[in-house]
Amino acid sequence: MMGFQSDTQQKLFYTCLNLEKRIRKDHILRDIAKHIDFDFVYKQVEDKYGSKGNVSVPPPVILKMMLLLIFYNIKNGF
């Protein structure tokens, strides 16, 4: 089953850590998030997911993780 992403993530692991305060206002990833609505991915992949089973990682999250790999030039360890 396809998972769905909540609107925003304010906290990461620690209750005193606020991501909105930790990331610069002029960071490139903020600009990308402002101009691209990643919800289009749900429509593109909806026929690839079954109706039973475990809930998946939301498709926009997977796309965003792939973009981070490209932006930060992260190579896999294989």
PDB file of N, CA and C in Angstrom:
ATOM      1  N   MET A   1       0.840  -1.183   0.000  1.00  0.00           N
ATOM      2  CA  MET A   1       0.000   0.000   0.000  1.00  0.00           C
ATOM      3  C   MET A   1       0.884   1.246   0.000  1.00  0.00           C
ATOM      4  N   MET A   2       0.427   2.217  -0.724  1.00  0.00           N
ATOM      5  CA  MET A   2       1.193   3.440  -0.832  1.00  0.00           C
ATOM      6  C   MET A   2       1.037   4.285   0.423  1.00  0.00           C
ATOM      7  N   GLY A   3       2.158   4.742   0.966  1.00  0.00           N
ATOM      8  CA  GLY A   3       2.134   5.629   2.116  1.00  0.00           C
ATOM      9  C   GLY A   3       1.949   7.071   1.673  1.00  0.00           C
ATOM     10  N   PHE A   4       1.457   7.901   2.576  1.00  0.00           N
ATOM     11  CA  PHE A   4       1.265   9.319   2.275  1.00  0.00           C
ATOM     12  C   PHE A   4       2.026  10.155   3.280  1.00  0.00           C
ATOM     13  N   GLN A   5       2.549  11.272   2.800  1.00  0.00           N
ATOM     14  CA  GLN A   5       3.394  12.143   3.599  1.00  0.00           C
ATOM     15  C   GLN A   5       2.562  13.221   4.274  1.00  0.00           C
ATOM     16  N   SER A   6       2.889  13.505   5.546  1.00  0.00           N
ATOM     17  CA  SER A   6       2.240  14.619   6.223  1.00  0.00           C
ATOM     18  C   SER A   6       2.784  15.923   5.662  1.00  0.00           C
ATOM     19  N   ASP A   7       2.120  17.027   5.951  1.00  0.00           N
ATOM     20  CA  ASP A   7       2.490  18.318   5.365  1.00  0.00           C
ATOM     21  C   ASP A   7       3.913  18.749   5.701  1.00  0.00           C
ATOM     22  N   THR A   8       4.231  18.833   6.984  1.00  0.00           N
ATOM     23  CA  THR A   8       5.567  19.288   7.368  1.00  0.00           C
ATOM     24  C   THR A   8       6.101  18.442   8.505  1.00  0.00           C
ATOM     25  N   GLN A   9       7.386  18.440   8.605  1.00  0.00           N
ATOM     26  CA  GLN A   9       8.054  17.751   9.705  1.00  0.00           C
ATOM     27  C   GLN A   9       8.751  18.806  10.536  1.00  0.00           C
ATOM     28  N   GLN A  10       8.237  19.076  11.697  1.00  0.00           N
ATOM     29  CA  GLN A  10       8.787  20.111  12.548  1.00  0.00           C
ATOM     30  C   GLN A  10       9.899  19.600  13.447  1.00  0.00           C
ATOM     31  N   LYS A  11       9.814  18.340  13.850  1.00  0.00           N
ATOM     32  CA  LYS A  11      10.778  17.814  14.809  1.00  0.00           C
ATOM     33  C   LYS A  11      11.455  16.577  14.246  1.00  0.00           C
ATOM     34  N   LEU A  12      12.709  16.402  14.599  1.00  0.00           N
ATOM     35  CA  LEU A  12      13.454  15.251  14.141  1.00  0.00           C
ATOM     36  C   LEU A  12      14.137  14.600  15.333  1.00  0.00           C
ATOM     37  N   PHE A  13      13.600  13.505  15.795  1.00  0.00           N
ATOM     38  CA  PHE A  13      14.153  12.694  16.879  1.00  0.00           C
ATOM     39  C   PHE A  13      14.100  13.373  18.253  1.00  0.00           C
ATOM     40  N   TYR A  14      14.483  14.626  18.321  1.00  0.00           N
ATOM     41  CA  TYR A  14      14.515  15.324  19.604  1.00  0.00           C
ATOM     42  C   TYR A  14      13.419  16.377  19.626  1.00  0.00           C
ATOM     43  N   THR A  15      12.787  16.522  20.761  1.00  0.00           N
ATOM     44  CA  THR A  15      11.710  17.497  20.856  1.00  0.00           C
ATOM     45  C   THR A  15      12.229  18.923  20.844  1.00  0.00           C
ATOM     46  N   CYS A  16      13.474  19.144  21.202  1.00  0.00           N
ATOM     47  CA  CYS A  16      14.019  20.500  21.242  1.00  0.00           C
ATOM     48  C   CYS A  16      14.673  20.908  19.923  1.00  0.00           C
ATOM     49  N   LEU A  17      14.706  20.029  18.921  1.00  0.00           N
ATOM     50  CA  LEU A  17      15.323  20.333  17.642  1.00  0.00           C
ATOM     51  C   LEU A  17      14.246  20.688  16.634  1.00  0.00           C
ATOM     52  N   ASN A  18      14.241  21.939  16.179  1.00  0.00           N
ATOM     53  CA  ASN A  18      13.267  22.407  15.211  1.00  0.00           C
ATOM     54  C   ASN A  18      13.978  22.602  13.872  1.00  0.00           C
ATOM     55  N   LEU A  19      13.582  21.826  12.854  1.00  0.00           N
ATOM     56  CA  LEU A  19      14.237  21.889  11.559  1.00  0.00           C
ATOM     57  C   LEU A  19      14.068  23.249  10.891  1.00  0.00           C
ATOM     58  N   GLU A  20      12.943  23.896  11.110  1.00  0.00           N
ATOM     59  CA  GLU A  20      12.715  25.215  10.514  1.00  0.00           C
ATOM     60  C   GLU A  20      13.730  26.236  11.012  1.00  0.00           C
ATOM     61  N   LYS A  21      14.161  26.109  12.220  1.00  0.00           N
ATOM     62  CA  LYS A  21      15.137  27.041  12.774  1.00  0.00           C
ATOM     63  C   LYS A  21      16.574  26.661  12.413  1.00  0.00           C
ATOM     64  N   ARG A  22      16.814  25.407  12.074  1.00  0.00           N
ATOM     65  CA  ARG A  22      18.181  24.920  11.816  1.00  0.00           C
ATOM     66  C   ARG A  22      18.627  25.128  10.366  1.00  0.00           C
ATOM     67  N   ILE A  23      17.672  25.242   9.441  1.00  0.00           N
ATOM     68  CA  ILE A  23      18.012  25.355   8.031  1.00  0.00           C
ATOM     69  C   ILE A  23      17.901  26.808   7.601  1.00  0.00           C
ATOM     70  N   ARG A  24      18.954  27.313   6.925  1.00  0.00           N
ATOM     71  CA  ARG A  24      18.983  28.707   6.503  1.00  0.00           C
ATOM     72  C   ARG A  24      17.761  29.064   5.654  1.00  0.00           C
ATOM     73  N   LYS A  25      17.318  30.287   5.745  1.00  0.00           N
ATOM     74  CA  LYS A  25      16.163  30.750   4.968  1.00  0.00           C
ATOM     75  C   LYS A  25      16.469  30.786   3.469  1.00  0.00           C
ATOM     76  N   ASP A  26      17.719  30.985   3.088  1.00  0.00           N
ATOM     77  CA  ASP A  26      18.086  31.076   1.673  1.00  0.00           C
ATOM     78  C   ASP A  26      18.672  29.767   1.126  1.00  0.00           C
ATOM     79  N   HIS A  27      18.450  28.662   1.810  1.00  0.00           N
ATOM     80  CA  HIS A  27      18.988  27.376   1.369  1.00  0.00           C
ATOM     81  C   HIS A  27      18.292  26.938   0.081  1.00  0.00           C
ATOM     82  N   ILE A  28      19.045  26.336  -0.829  1.00  0.00           N
ATOM     83  CA  ILE A  28      18.518  25.918  -2.129  1.00  0.00           C
ATOM     84  C   ILE A  28      17.362  24.926  -2.005  1.00  0.00           C
ATOM     85  N   LEU A  29      17.398  24.066  -1.008  1.00  0.00           N
ATOM     86  CA  LEU A  29      16.318  23.085  -0.846  1.00  0.00           C
ATOM     87  C   LEU A  29      15.005  23.752  -0.455  1.00  0.00           C
ATOM     88  N   ARG A  30      15.064  24.880   0.241  1.00  0.00           N
ATOM     89  CA  ARG A  30      13.842  25.639   0.535  1.00  0.00           C
ATOM     90  C   ARG A  30      13.241  26.196  -0.750  1.00  0.00           C
ATOM     91  N   ASP A  31      14.096  26.696  -1.647  1.00  0.00           N
ATOM     92  CA  ASP A  31      13.604  27.215  -2.924  1.00  0.00           C
ATOM     93  C   ASP A  31      12.956  26.115  -3.754  1.00  0.00           C
ATOM     94  N   ILE A  32      13.573  24.963  -3.773  1.00  0.00           N
ATOM     95  CA  ILE A  32      13.011  23.842  -4.529  1.00  0.00           C
ATOM     96  C   ILE A  32      11.652  23.451  -3.962  1.00  0.00           C
ATOM     97  N   ALA A  33      11.558  23.339  -2.651  1.00  0.00           N
ATOM     98  CA  ALA A  33      10.291  22.957  -2.016  1.00  0.00           C
ATOM     99  C   ALA A  33       9.202  24.009  -2.260  1.00  0.00           C
ATOM    100  N   LYS A  34       9.610  25.264  -2.381  1.00  0.00           N
ATOM    101  CA  LYS A  34       8.641  26.338  -2.611  1.00  0.00           C
ATOM    102  C   LYS A  34       8.085  26.297  -4.036  1.00  0.00           C
ATOM    103  N   HIS A  35       8.912  25.888  -5.008  1.00  0.00           N
ATOM    104  CA  HIS A  35       8.521  25.953  -6.411  1.00  0.00           C
ATOM    105  C   HIS A  35       8.020  24.637  -6.994  1.00  0.00           C
ATOM    106  N   ILE A  36       8.312  23.526  -6.339  1.00  0.00           N
ATOM    107  CA  ILE A  36       7.893  22.220  -6.872  1.00  0.00           C
ATOM    108  C   ILE A  36       6.953  21.541  -5.896  1.00  0.00           C
ATOM    109  N   ASP A  37       5.790  21.166  -6.388  1.00  0.00           N
ATOM    110  CA  ASP A  37       4.842  20.390  -5.597  1.00  0.00           C
ATOM    111  C   ASP A  37       5.083  18.915  -5.911  1.00  0.00           C
ATOM    112  N   PHE A  38       5.694  18.204  -4.995  1.00  0.00           N
ATOM    113  CA  PHE A  38       6.086  16.825  -5.230  1.00  0.00           C
ATOM    114  C   PHE A  38       4.905  15.846  -5.169  1.00  0.00           C
ATOM    115  N   ASP A  39       3.712  16.331  -4.929  1.00  0.00           N
ATOM    116  CA  ASP A  39       2.554  15.445  -4.876  1.00  0.00           C
ATOM    117  C   ASP A  39       2.203  14.840  -6.234  1.00  0.00           C
ATOM    118  N   PHE A  40       2.763  15.367  -7.325  1.00  0.00           N
ATOM    119  CA  PHE A  40       2.503  14.797  -8.644  1.00  0.00           C
ATOM    120  C   PHE A  40       2.964  13.339  -8.715  1.00  0.00           C
ATOM    121  N   VAL A  41       3.890  12.962  -7.848  1.00  0.00           N
ATOM    122  CA  VAL A  41       4.451  11.615  -7.877  1.00  0.00           C
ATOM    123  C   VAL A  41       3.381  10.576  -7.526  1.00  0.00           C
ATOM    124  N   TYR A  42       2.462  10.929  -6.621  1.00  0.00           N
ATOM    125  CA  TYR A  42       1.404   9.982  -6.243  1.00  0.00           C
ATOM    126  C   TYR A  42       0.636   9.503  -7.468  1.00  0.00           C
ATOM    127  N   LYS A  43       0.253  10.428  -8.339  1.00  0.00           N
ATOM    128  CA  LYS A  43      -0.528  10.084  -9.529  1.00  0.00           C
ATOM    129  C   LYS A  43       0.306   9.240 -10.499  1.00  0.00           C
ATOM    130  N   GLN A  44       1.586   9.537 -10.602  1.00  0.00           N
ATOM    131  CA  GLN A  44       2.458   8.830 -11.547  1.00  0.00           C
ATOM    132  C   GLN A  44       2.676   7.368 -11.170  1.00  0.00           C
ATOM    133  N   VAL A  45       2.660   7.062  -9.874  1.00  0.00           N
ATOM    134  CA  VAL A  45       3.007   5.705  -9.436  1.00  0.00           C
ATOM    135  C   VAL A  45       1.849   4.936  -8.814  1.00  0.00           C
ATOM    136  N   GLU A  46       0.649   5.497  -8.811  1.00  0.00           N
ATOM    137  CA  GLU A  46      -0.464   4.857  -8.101  1.00  0.00           C
ATOM    138  C   GLU A  46      -0.784   3.456  -8.609  1.00  0.00           C
ATOM    139  N   ASP A  47      -0.561   3.186  -9.884  1.00  0.00           N
ATOM    140  CA  ASP A  47      -0.861   1.850 -10.414  1.00  0.00           C
ATOM    141  C   ASP A  47       0.236   0.832 -10.114  1.00  0.00           C
ATOM    142  N   LYS A  48       1.318   1.257  -9.510  1.00  0.00           N
ATOM    143  CA  LYS A  48       2.430   0.365  -9.168  1.00  0.00           C
ATOM    144  C   LYS A  48       2.310  -0.234  -7.769  1.00  0.00           C
ATOM    145  N   TYR A  49       1.368   0.253  -6.979  1.00  0.00           N
ATOM    146  CA  TYR A  49       1.219  -0.185  -5.590  1.00  0.00           C
ATOM    147  C   TYR A  49      -0.008  -1.070  -5.442  1.00  0.00           C
ATOM    148  N   GLY A  50       0.119  -2.070  -4.600  1.00  0.00           N
ATOM    149  CA  GLY A  50      -1.000  -2.948  -4.312  1.00  0.00           C
ATOM    150  C   GLY A  50      -1.915  -2.339  -3.255  1.00  0.00           C
ATOM    151  N   SER A  51      -3.015  -3.043  -2.991  1.00  0.00           N
ATOM    152  CA  SER A  51      -3.976  -2.535  -2.000  1.00  0.00           C
ATOM    153  C   SER A  51      -3.830  -3.246  -0.664  1.00  0.00           C
ATOM    154  N   LYS A  52      -2.987  -4.262  -0.613  1.00  0.00           N
ATOM    155  CA  LYS A  52      -2.787  -5.004   0.628  1.00  0.00           C
ATOM    156  C   LYS A  52      -1.310  -5.007   0.976  1.00  0.00           C
ATOM    157  N   GLY A  53      -1.012  -5.258   2.225  1.00  0.00           N
ATOM    158  CA  GLY A  53       0.381  -5.340   2.645  1.00  0.00           C
ATOM    159  C   GLY A  53       0.793  -4.164   3.500  1.00  0.00           C
ATOM    160  N   ASN A  54       2.085  -4.056   3.696  1.00  0.00           N
ATOM    161  CA  ASN A  54       2.618  -2.978   4.521  1.00  0.00           C
ATOM    162  C   ASN A  54       2.547  -1.649   3.783  1.00  0.00           C
ATOM    163  N   VAL A  55       2.456  -0.592   4.552  1.00  0.00           N
ATOM    164  CA  VAL A  55       2.433   0.750   3.977  1.00  0.00           C
ATOM    165  C   VAL A  55       3.865   1.130   3.589  1.00  0.00           C
ATOM    166  N   SER A  56       4.007   1.678   2.398  1.00  0.00           N
ATOM    167  CA  SER A  56       5.332   2.014   1.880  1.00  0.00           C
ATOM    168  C   SER A  56       5.797   3.383   2.382  1.00  0.00           C
ATOM    169  N   VAL A  57       7.037   3.666   2.086  1.00  0.00           N
ATOM    170  CA  VAL A  57       7.549   5.017   2.254  1.00  0.00           C
ATOM    171  C   VAL A  57       6.838   5.858   1.193  1.00  0.00           C
ATOM    172  N   PRO A  58       6.359   7.046   1.531  1.00  0.00           N
ATOM    173  CA  PRO A  58       5.648   7.855   0.534  1.00  0.00           C
ATOM    174  C   PRO A  58       6.528   8.139  -0.692  1.00  0.00           C
ATOM    175  N   PRO A  59       5.988   7.974  -1.896  1.00  0.00           N
ATOM    176  CA  PRO A  59       6.777   8.190  -3.114  1.00  0.00           C
ATOM    177  C   PRO A  59       7.475   9.556  -3.192  1.00  0.00           C
ATOM    178  N   PRO A  60       6.846  10.663  -2.763  1.00  0.00           N
ATOM    179  CA  PRO A  60       7.583  11.929  -2.802  1.00  0.00           C
ATOM    180  C   PRO A  60       8.829  11.921  -1.910  1.00  0.00           C
ATOM    181  N   VAL A  61       8.782  11.184  -0.818  1.00  0.00           N
ATOM    182  CA  VAL A  61       9.948  11.090   0.067  1.00  0.00           C
ATOM    183  C   VAL A  61      11.082  10.372  -0.652  1.00  0.00           C
ATOM    184  N   ILE A  62      10.755   9.324  -1.383  1.00  0.00           N
ATOM    185  CA  ILE A  62      11.773   8.592  -2.134  1.00  0.00           C
ATOM    186  C   ILE A  62      12.397   9.505  -3.188  1.00  0.00           C
ATOM    187  N   LEU A  63      11.574  10.269  -3.904  1.00  0.00           N
ATOM    188  CA  LEU A  63      12.089  11.191  -4.908  1.00  0.00           C
ATOM    189  C   LEU A  63      12.981  12.262  -4.277  1.00  0.00           C
ATOM    190  N   LYS A  64      12.565  12.789  -3.140  1.00  0.00           N
ATOM    191  CA  LYS A  64      13.359  13.809  -2.456  1.00  0.00           C
ATOM    192  C   LYS A  64      14.696  13.237  -1.983  1.00  0.00           C
ATOM    193  N   MET A  65      14.682  11.998  -1.511  1.00  0.00           N
ATOM    194  CA  MET A  65      15.944  11.373  -1.095  1.00  0.00           C
ATOM    195  C   MET A  65      16.875  11.182  -2.289  1.00  0.00           C
ATOM    196  N   MET A  66      16.322  10.830  -3.440  1.00  0.00           N
ATOM    197  CA  MET A  66      17.132  10.682  -4.642  1.00  0.00           C
ATOM    198  C   MET A  66      17.721  12.028  -5.063  1.00  0.00           C
ATOM    199  N   LEU A  67      16.952  13.087  -4.944  1.00  0.00           N
ATOM    200  CA  LEU A  67      17.468  14.422  -5.262  1.00  0.00           C
ATOM    201  C   LEU A  67      18.596  14.824  -4.319  1.00  0.00           C
ATOM    202  N   LEU A  68      18.473  14.467  -3.052  1.00  0.00           N
ATOM    203  CA  LEU A  68      19.548  14.763  -2.101  1.00  0.00           C
ATOM    204  C   LEU A  68      20.830  14.030  -2.478  1.00  0.00           C
ATOM    205  N   LEU A  69      20.691  12.793  -2.945  1.00  0.00           N
ATOM    206  CA  LEU A  69      21.863  12.037  -3.393  1.00  0.00           C
ATOM    207  C   LEU A  69      22.565  12.761  -4.536  1.00  0.00           C
ATOM    208  N   ILE A  70      21.780  13.339  -5.435  1.00  0.00           N
ATOM    209  CA  ILE A  70      22.350  14.053  -6.570  1.00  0.00           C
ATOM    210  C   ILE A  70      22.951  15.388  -6.134  1.00  0.00           C
ATOM    211  N   PHE A  71      22.194  16.171  -5.373  1.00  0.00           N
ATOM    212  CA  PHE A  71      22.664  17.498  -4.953  1.00  0.00           C
ATOM    213  C   PHE A  71      23.933  17.442  -4.122  1.00  0.00           C
ATOM    214  N   TYR A  72      24.031  16.449  -3.261  1.00  0.00           N
ATOM    215  CA  TYR A  72      25.178  16.367  -2.365  1.00  0.00           C
ATOM    216  C   TYR A  72      26.222  15.356  -2.826  1.00  0.00           C
ATOM    217  N   ASN A  73      26.058  14.847  -4.073  1.00  0.00           N
ATOM    218  CA  ASN A  73      27.032  13.966  -4.684  1.00  0.00           C
ATOM    219  C   ASN A  73      27.385  12.779  -3.774  1.00  0.00           C
ATOM    220  N   ILE A  74      26.362  12.133  -3.272  1.00  0.00           N
ATOM    221  CA  ILE A  74      26.553  10.993  -2.381  1.00  0.00           C
ATOM    222  C   ILE A  74      26.613   9.726  -3.228  1.00  0.00           C
ATOM    223  N   LYS A  75      27.671   8.978  -3.075  1.00  0.00           N
ATOM    224  CA  LYS A  75      27.829   7.740  -3.823  1.00  0.00           C
ATOM    225  C   LYS A  75      27.441   6.563  -2.931  1.00  0.00           C
ATOM    226  N   ASN A  76      26.830   5.559  -3.546  1.00  0.00           N
ATOM    227  CA  ASN A  76      26.451   4.392  -2.754  1.00  0.00           C
ATOM    228  C   ASN A  76      27.698   3.582  -2.417  1.00  0.00           C
ATOM    229  N   GLY A  77      27.589   2.753  -1.414  1.00  0.00           N
ATOM    230  CA  GLY A  77      28.732   1.999  -0.931  1.00  0.00           C
ATOM    231  C   GLY A  77      28.869   0.621  -1.543  1.00  0.00           C
ATOM    232  N   PHE A  78      28.174   0.364  -2.654  1.00  0.00           N
ATOM    233  CA  PHE A  78      28.216  -0.963  -3.242  1.00  0.00           C
ATOM    234  C   PHE A  78      29.295  -1.071  -4.290  1.00  0.00           C
TER     235      PHE A  78
END
